[in-house]
Amino acid sequence: MSTLLSHLSYIAVTSPDVEASVRFYEEQVGLTVVDRVDGSVYLRCWGDYYAYSVVVVPGDQPALSTMAWRSASAEALTEAVRRIEAAGVTGEWVDIHKIGRAYRFTGPWGHTMTLHWDVTRHQAVGTEASIYPDRPERRSKIAGAPRQLDHVTIACSDVDAFADWYNDVLGFRIMARTILDEAPISVFSVLTTNEKSHDLGVVLDGSSAQGRINHYAFWVDTREELLIAADTLMENGVPIEYGPSIHGIGEQNFLYYREPSTLRIELNTGGYRNYVPDWEPNTWKPSLGSNNFYRNGAMPMSMTESFPPADGPSATEEGVPDDIKEALLNPYAKQGRG
């Protein structure tokens, strides 16, 4: 299959208090507001090449509104739409602010995705212009501010089936997955549209809800900047949920915290680049350090929360053997696992 998608271009999330979320993104994360349209606020990182990478939309609770990918070409967008509809999913053509014509659909597990080729490129002028010609604007004055949007991780009831569908239909490369030590149950998988270790992650969701998001991530240039961001966040009274540490899968340094809506944000850096066209995905286990390669700290239970909050039975209440219930709920809860 020829390459259909090139990279994650923006993420749109809902917040019950848009202004509180936007203030946090401006003052603590280091994003810049570029537009306000019909209650939605458009923000960008200093290194984003397009007009924006984050949209905060009014909503009753934190949730995924859409995740957007730019296609590899105009022809690739047409082919992607053909493949989506051939797979039995029907979307619609929409007009997106500062993008234009785009195709929006809801995948088999309830996640809304937007595909587009057209964009508005950003190039600052005057005092905001960078001395580096390849940068769209100068570096943020906020300590540890991310250069750009990096990836999104969603929650789904069938990790392998999700990965297979997006691989078969849209050409996402499956890079790795994690199964439980106690049983061959997939709890995590990573996919990519380019040479990164991933720009789409999927975690196991034991709820009856669909279309949920676990977190989305920004990229900082160095591990030192990530540590500076952690230090600055703590100085400003923002709790760190998990990290800093390093993922085994992907090999990125990571840091997780929450914005006011309770939605989880990740900062990451490092990791490998993979150009192998016939890459065979590896299978990890928590005991190998798939989530925390140092294996020197247990992941907090709060990290298993996805958005919006969901009621209903969890996977551990549906006939799962007693000896793997705890691991299925949080496979990384034991000290010495990662």
Protein backbone atom coordinates (compact mmCIF):
# COMPACT_ATOMS: atom_id res chain seq x y z
CA MET A 1 0.00 0.00 0.00
CA SER A 2 1.30 3.47 -0.82
CA THR A 3 1.58 5.90 2.09
CA LEU A 4 -1.79 7.52 2.75
CA LEU A 5 -1.20 9.61 5.88
CA SER A 6 1.83 11.68 6.85
CA HIS A 7 1.42 12.77 10.47
CA LEU A 8 -0.92 13.87 13.26
CA SER A 9 -1.85 17.48 12.55
CA TYR A 10 -4.19 18.53 15.36
CA ILE A 11 -6.26 17.25 18.23
CA ALA A 12 -9.63 18.68 19.28
CA VAL A 13 -10.83 18.05 22.82
CA THR A 14 -13.86 19.16 24.81
CA SER A 15 -13.75 20.95 28.15
CA PRO A 16 -16.55 21.97 30.54
CA ASP A 17 -14.59 25.18 31.26
CA VAL A 18 -12.92 26.25 28.05
CA GLU A 19 -11.37 29.39 29.51
CA ALA A 20 -9.78 27.54 32.43
CA SER A 21 -8.29 24.99 30.05
CA VAL A 22 -7.05 27.70 27.68
CA ARG A 23 -5.40 29.67 30.51
CA PHE A 24 -3.60 26.50 31.57
CA TYR A 25 -2.38 25.81 28.05
CA GLU A 26 -1.11 29.37 27.77
CA GLU A 27 0.43 29.84 31.21
CA GLN A 28 1.62 26.35 32.15
CA VAL A 29 2.14 24.49 28.87
CA GLY A 30 3.33 27.42 26.76
CA LEU A 31 0.85 27.33 23.88
CA THR A 32 -0.41 30.42 22.07
CA VAL A 33 -4.02 31.28 21.24
CA VAL A 34 -4.40 31.99 17.55
CA ASP A 35 -8.18 32.08 17.04
CA ARG A 36 -11.58 31.95 18.73
CA VAL A 37 -14.51 30.75 16.63
CA ASP A 38 -18.02 29.94 17.91
CA GLY A 39 -16.81 29.16 21.42
CA SER A 40 -13.88 27.00 20.29
CA VAL A 41 -10.32 28.16 20.94
CA TYR A 42 -7.43 27.33 18.60
CA LEU A 43 -3.91 27.07 20.00
CA ARG A 44 -0.45 26.27 18.67
CA CYS A 45 2.98 25.22 19.90
CA TRP A 46 5.85 27.49 18.92
CA GLY A 47 7.22 24.90 16.49
CA ASP A 48 3.99 23.79 14.81
CA TYR A 49 4.22 24.36 11.06
CA TYR A 50 0.47 24.80 10.58
CA ALA A 51 -1.94 27.35 12.01
CA TYR A 52 -2.81 25.33 15.13
CA SER A 53 -2.46 21.91 16.72
CA VAL A 54 -4.92 22.01 19.62
CA VAL A 55 -8.59 22.99 19.61
CA VAL A 56 -10.52 23.32 22.88
CA VAL A 57 -14.25 22.87 22.26
CA PRO A 58 -17.06 23.53 24.77
CA GLY A 59 -18.45 20.29 26.19
CA ASP A 60 -20.02 18.81 29.30
CA GLN A 61 -16.96 16.72 30.13
CA PRO A 62 -13.39 16.12 28.91
CA ALA A 63 -13.46 14.01 25.77
CA LEU A 64 -12.04 13.55 22.29
CA SER A 65 -13.80 15.66 19.68
CA THR A 66 -11.59 14.55 16.80
CA MET A 67 -8.01 13.55 15.99
CA ALA A 68 -6.75 14.84 12.66
CA TRP A 69 -4.14 13.50 10.26
CA ARG A 70 -2.76 15.20 7.18
CA SER A 71 -2.64 12.95 4.14
CA ALA A 72 0.51 12.35 2.13
CA SER A 73 -0.99 14.11 -0.91
CA ALA A 74 -4.30 15.19 -2.37
CA GLU A 75 -4.49 11.87 -4.22
CA ALA A 76 -3.72 9.98 -1.01
CA LEU A 77 -6.67 11.68 0.69
CA THR A 78 -8.98 10.51 -2.09
CA GLU A 79 -7.62 6.97 -1.78
CA ALA A 80 -7.96 7.01 2.02
CA VAL A 81 -11.60 8.00 1.73
CA ARG A 82 -12.20 5.27 -0.82
CA ARG A 83 -10.68 2.67 1.49
CA ILE A 84 -12.65 3.87 4.51
CA GLU A 85 -15.94 3.64 2.66
CA ALA A 86 -14.99 0.28 1.11
CA ALA A 87 -14.53 -0.95 4.69
CA GLY A 88 -18.16 -0.08 5.42
CA VAL A 89 -17.66 3.24 7.22
CA THR A 90 -19.34 6.36 5.89
CA GLY A 91 -18.08 9.83 6.76
CA GLU A 92 -18.69 13.30 5.39
CA TRP A 93 -16.79 16.12 3.76
CA VAL A 94 -16.55 19.14 6.05
CA ASP A 95 -15.00 22.60 5.98
CA ILE A 96 -12.41 23.04 8.76
CA HIS A 97 -11.21 26.38 10.08
CA LYS A 98 -7.91 27.37 8.40
CA ILE A 99 -7.73 23.98 6.74
CA GLY A 100 -10.62 23.83 4.33
CA ARG A 101 -11.89 20.63 2.77
CA ALA A 102 -11.55 17.59 5.02
CA TYR A 103 -13.11 14.18 5.48
CA ARG A 104 -14.47 13.27 8.91
CA PHE A 105 -15.59 9.80 9.96
CA THR A 106 -16.16 7.76 13.08
CA GLY A 107 -14.19 4.53 13.22
CA PRO A 108 -15.51 1.13 14.30
CA TRP A 109 -14.76 1.79 18.00
CA GLY A 110 -16.33 5.24 18.11
CA HIS A 111 -13.32 7.51 17.61
CA THR A 112 -13.81 10.47 15.30
CA MET A 113 -10.97 11.09 12.86
CA THR A 114 -10.46 13.96 10.43
CA LEU A 115 -8.30 13.57 7.31
CA HIS A 116 -7.13 16.50 5.20
CA TRP A 117 -4.53 17.63 2.71
CA ASP A 118 -5.11 21.39 2.60
CA VAL A 119 -3.53 23.45 5.40
CA THR A 120 -2.71 27.01 6.38
CA ARG A 121 1.00 27.28 7.07
CA HIS A 122 2.19 29.48 9.91
CA GLN A 123 5.04 31.95 9.56
CA ALA A 124 5.47 34.60 12.22
CA VAL A 125 6.53 38.12 11.30
CA GLY A 126 8.13 41.00 13.15
CA THR A 127 9.27 40.38 16.71
CA GLU A 128 7.76 36.87 16.75
CA ALA A 129 9.82 35.66 13.79
CA SER A 130 12.68 33.27 14.55
CA ILE A 131 16.30 33.81 13.57
CA TYR A 132 16.12 30.21 12.29
CA PRO A 133 14.51 30.38 8.83
CA ASP A 134 13.08 26.86 9.16
CA ARG A 135 11.18 27.67 12.37
CA PRO A 136 7.64 29.03 12.02
CA GLU A 137 8.19 31.39 14.98
CA ARG A 138 10.61 32.04 17.82
CA ARG A 139 10.87 29.75 20.83
CA SER A 140 8.35 30.18 23.64
CA LYS A 141 9.35 32.12 26.75
CA ILE A 142 7.63 29.47 28.94
CA ALA A 143 10.18 27.07 30.46
CA GLY A 144 9.80 23.60 28.97
CA ALA A 145 7.22 24.68 26.39
CA PRO A 146 6.79 21.96 23.74
CA ARG A 147 7.96 22.42 20.17
CA GLN A 148 5.02 20.56 18.62
CA LEU A 149 2.17 18.11 18.95
CA ASP A 150 3.43 14.53 19.06
CA HIS A 151 0.80 11.78 19.44
CA VAL A 152 -2.60 10.77 20.75
CA THR A 153 -3.51 7.63 22.70
CA ILE A 154 -7.09 6.39 22.66
CA ALA A 155 -8.91 3.69 24.65
CA CYS A 156 -10.60 0.72 22.98
CA SER A 157 -12.22 -2.59 23.95
CA ASP A 158 -10.08 -4.63 21.52
CA VAL A 159 -6.52 -3.41 21.14
CA ASP A 160 -5.40 -5.83 18.42
CA ALA A 161 -8.55 -5.47 16.33
CA PHE A 162 -8.25 -1.67 16.47
CA ALA A 163 -4.61 -1.82 15.36
CA ASP A 164 -5.43 -4.26 12.56
CA TRP A 165 -8.28 -2.10 11.19
CA TYR A 166 -6.22 1.09 11.07
CA ASN A 167 -3.32 -0.85 9.55
CA ASP A 168 -5.45 -2.55 6.88
CA VAL A 169 -7.58 0.47 5.95
CA LEU A 170 -5.32 3.50 6.42
CA GLY A 171 -1.83 2.02 6.39
CA PHE A 172 -0.81 2.79 9.99
CA ARG A 173 2.28 0.70 10.77
CA ILE A 174 1.90 -1.45 13.89
CA MET A 175 5.14 -0.97 15.81
CA ALA A 176 4.71 -2.92 19.07
CA ARG A 177 2.21 -4.19 21.60
CA THR A 178 2.07 -5.23 25.24
CA ILE A 179 0.39 -8.37 26.52
CA LEU A 180 -0.08 -9.39 30.13
CA ASP A 181 2.51 -11.60 31.79
CA GLU A 182 -0.38 -13.65 33.17
CA ALA A 183 -2.31 -14.22 29.94
CA PRO A 184 -2.09 -13.46 26.18
CA ILE A 185 -4.34 -10.41 26.46
CA SER A 186 -3.27 -7.23 24.62
CA VAL A 187 -3.41 -4.15 26.80
CA PHE A 188 -1.50 -1.65 24.66
CA SER A 189 -0.36 -1.11 21.08
CA VAL A 190 1.41 1.65 19.18
CA LEU A 191 1.03 2.62 15.52
CA THR A 192 2.62 5.23 13.29
CA THR A 193 2.17 6.92 9.93
CA ASN A 194 5.84 7.86 9.61
CA GLU A 195 9.27 7.07 11.09
CA LYS A 196 8.34 7.83 14.72
CA SER A 197 7.82 4.95 17.11
CA HIS A 198 4.17 6.04 17.23
CA ASP A 199 1.77 8.87 16.65
CA LEU A 200 -1.28 6.77 17.62
CA GLY A 201 -1.50 4.63 20.75
CA VAL A 202 -4.33 2.41 21.97
CA VAL A 203 -4.89 1.15 25.52
CA LEU A 204 -7.34 -1.52 26.60
CA ASP A 205 -10.71 -0.12 27.70
CA GLY A 206 -12.81 -2.41 29.87
CA SER A 207 -15.82 -0.07 29.96
CA SER A 208 -18.90 -0.21 27.77
CA ALA A 209 -18.18 3.28 26.36
CA GLN A 210 -16.75 4.01 22.93
CA GLY A 211 -14.56 6.72 21.47
CA ARG A 212 -12.60 7.52 24.63
CA ILE A 213 -9.17 9.14 24.87
CA ASN A 214 -6.45 8.32 27.41
CA HIS A 215 -4.06 11.20 26.72
CA TYR A 216 -2.37 13.24 24.08
CA ALA A 217 1.25 14.28 23.95
CA PHE A 218 3.56 17.15 23.08
CA TRP A 219 7.21 16.93 22.05
CA VAL A 220 10.09 18.78 23.70
CA ASP A 221 13.56 18.78 22.15
CA THR A 222 15.59 17.32 25.00
CA ARG A 223 15.32 15.32 28.21
CA GLU A 224 16.64 18.36 30.06
CA GLU A 225 13.73 20.44 28.81
CA LEU A 226 11.32 17.76 30.00
CA LEU A 227 12.90 17.88 33.46
CA ILE A 228 12.75 21.67 33.46
CA ALA A 229 9.06 21.45 32.54
CA ALA A 230 8.47 19.05 35.45
CA ASP A 231 10.29 21.39 37.82
CA THR A 232 8.34 24.42 36.58
CA LEU A 233 5.00 22.66 36.81
CA MET A 234 5.67 21.62 40.41
CA GLU A 235 6.84 25.13 41.33
CA ASN A 236 3.52 26.38 39.95
CA GLY A 237 1.49 23.89 41.98
CA VAL A 238 0.62 21.54 39.10
CA PRO A 239 0.76 17.91 40.31
CA ILE A 240 2.80 15.41 38.32
CA GLU A 241 0.74 12.28 37.70
CA TYR A 242 3.50 9.95 36.48
CA GLY A 243 7.16 10.30 35.59
CA PRO A 244 9.62 11.57 34.63
CA SER A 245 10.85 8.20 33.38
CA ILE A 246 11.36 6.32 30.12
CA HIS A 247 9.02 4.03 28.20
CA GLY A 248 10.38 0.70 27.02
CA ILE A 249 8.09 0.69 23.99
CA GLY A 250 9.21 3.65 21.88
CA GLU A 251 12.07 4.55 24.25
CA GLN A 252 10.71 8.04 24.92
CA ASN A 253 11.26 9.97 28.12
CA PHE A 254 7.84 10.85 29.51
CA LEU A 255 5.98 13.05 31.96
CA TYR A 256 2.21 13.03 32.61
CA TYR A 257 0.05 15.68 34.23
CA ARG A 258 -3.53 16.99 33.99
CA GLU A 259 -5.15 20.14 32.66
CA PRO A 260 -8.11 21.68 34.55
CA SER A 261 -10.74 19.59 32.74
CA THR A 262 -8.84 16.53 34.18
CA LEU A 263 -7.72 15.50 30.68
CA ARG A 264 -4.24 13.96 30.74
CA ILE A 265 -1.32 15.60 28.91
CA GLU A 266 2.03 13.96 28.23
CA LEU A 267 5.35 15.60 27.48
CA ASN A 268 7.87 13.34 25.80
CA THR A 269 11.19 13.38 24.04
CA GLY A 270 13.82 10.99 22.74
CA GLY A 271 12.79 7.65 21.31
CA TYR A 272 13.85 5.94 18.14
CA ARG A 273 13.19 6.54 14.47
CA ASN A 274 12.25 3.51 12.38
CA TYR A 275 12.51 3.51 8.58
CA VAL A 276 12.14 -0.26 8.08
CA PRO A 277 9.30 -0.75 5.53
CA ASP A 278 8.65 -4.37 6.49
CA TRP A 279 9.01 -3.93 10.25
CA GLU A 280 7.63 -6.81 12.31
CA PRO A 281 6.07 -5.52 15.56
CA ASN A 282 7.54 -6.85 18.78
CA THR A 283 5.46 -8.14 21.67
CA TRP A 284 6.37 -6.81 25.11
CA LYS A 285 5.21 -7.73 28.60
CA PRO A 286 4.97 -5.43 31.62
CA SER A 287 7.79 -7.41 33.27
CA LEU A 288 10.08 -6.33 30.40
CA GLY A 289 9.48 -2.68 31.19
CA SER A 290 7.16 -1.86 28.29
CA ASN A 291 5.73 1.16 30.10
CA ASN A 292 8.56 2.09 32.48
CA PHE A 293 11.83 0.58 31.34
CA TYR A 294 13.57 1.33 34.61
CA ARG A 295 10.98 -0.81 36.44
CA ASN A 296 11.63 1.15 39.61
CA GLY A 297 8.15 2.48 40.31
CA ALA A 298 4.55 1.36 40.03
CA MET A 299 2.26 3.23 37.66
CA PRO A 300 -0.50 5.00 39.64
CA MET A 301 -4.01 3.62 39.21
CA SER A 302 -5.13 7.06 38.04
CA MET A 303 -3.28 6.46 34.76
CA THR A 304 -5.87 3.84 33.79
CA GLU A 305 -8.54 6.56 33.65
CA SER A 306 -9.71 7.52 30.16
CA PHE A 307 -12.10 10.25 29.06
CA PRO A 308 -14.94 10.90 29.29
CA PRO A 309 -15.42 8.99 32.56
CA ALA A 310 -17.37 5.79 31.91
CA ASP A 311 -19.65 3.68 34.07
CA GLY A 312 -20.62 0.09 33.43
CA PRO A 313 -18.82 -3.20 33.91
CA SER A 314 -15.07 -3.37 33.58
CA ALA A 315 -13.22 -6.20 31.89
CA THR A 316 -12.35 -7.62 35.31
CA GLU A 317 -16.03 -8.20 36.06
CA GLU A 318 -16.83 -10.24 32.96
CA GLY A 319 -15.64 -13.75 33.72
CA VAL A 320 -11.92 -13.02 33.86
CA PRO A 321 -10.04 -15.56 36.03
CA ASP A 322 -9.26 -14.34 39.53
CA ASP A 323 -5.50 -14.68 39.08
CA ILE A 324 -5.33 -12.04 36.34
CA LYS A 325 -8.02 -9.59 37.51
CA GLU A 326 -5.54 -7.30 39.23
CA ALA A 327 -3.12 -7.35 36.30
CA LEU A 328 -5.85 -6.59 33.79
CA LEU A 329 -7.01 -3.57 35.78
CA ASN A 330 -3.50 -2.12 35.97
CA PRO A 331 -0.72 -4.34 34.58
CA TYR A 332 1.91 -1.87 35.79
CA ALA A 333 0.76 -1.61 39.43
CA LYS A 334 3.45 -3.88 40.88
CA GLN A 335 6.78 -2.48 41.99
CA GLY A 336 9.52 -3.82 39.72
CA ARG A 337 7.31 -3.91 36.63
CA GLY A 338 7.26 -1.25 34.00
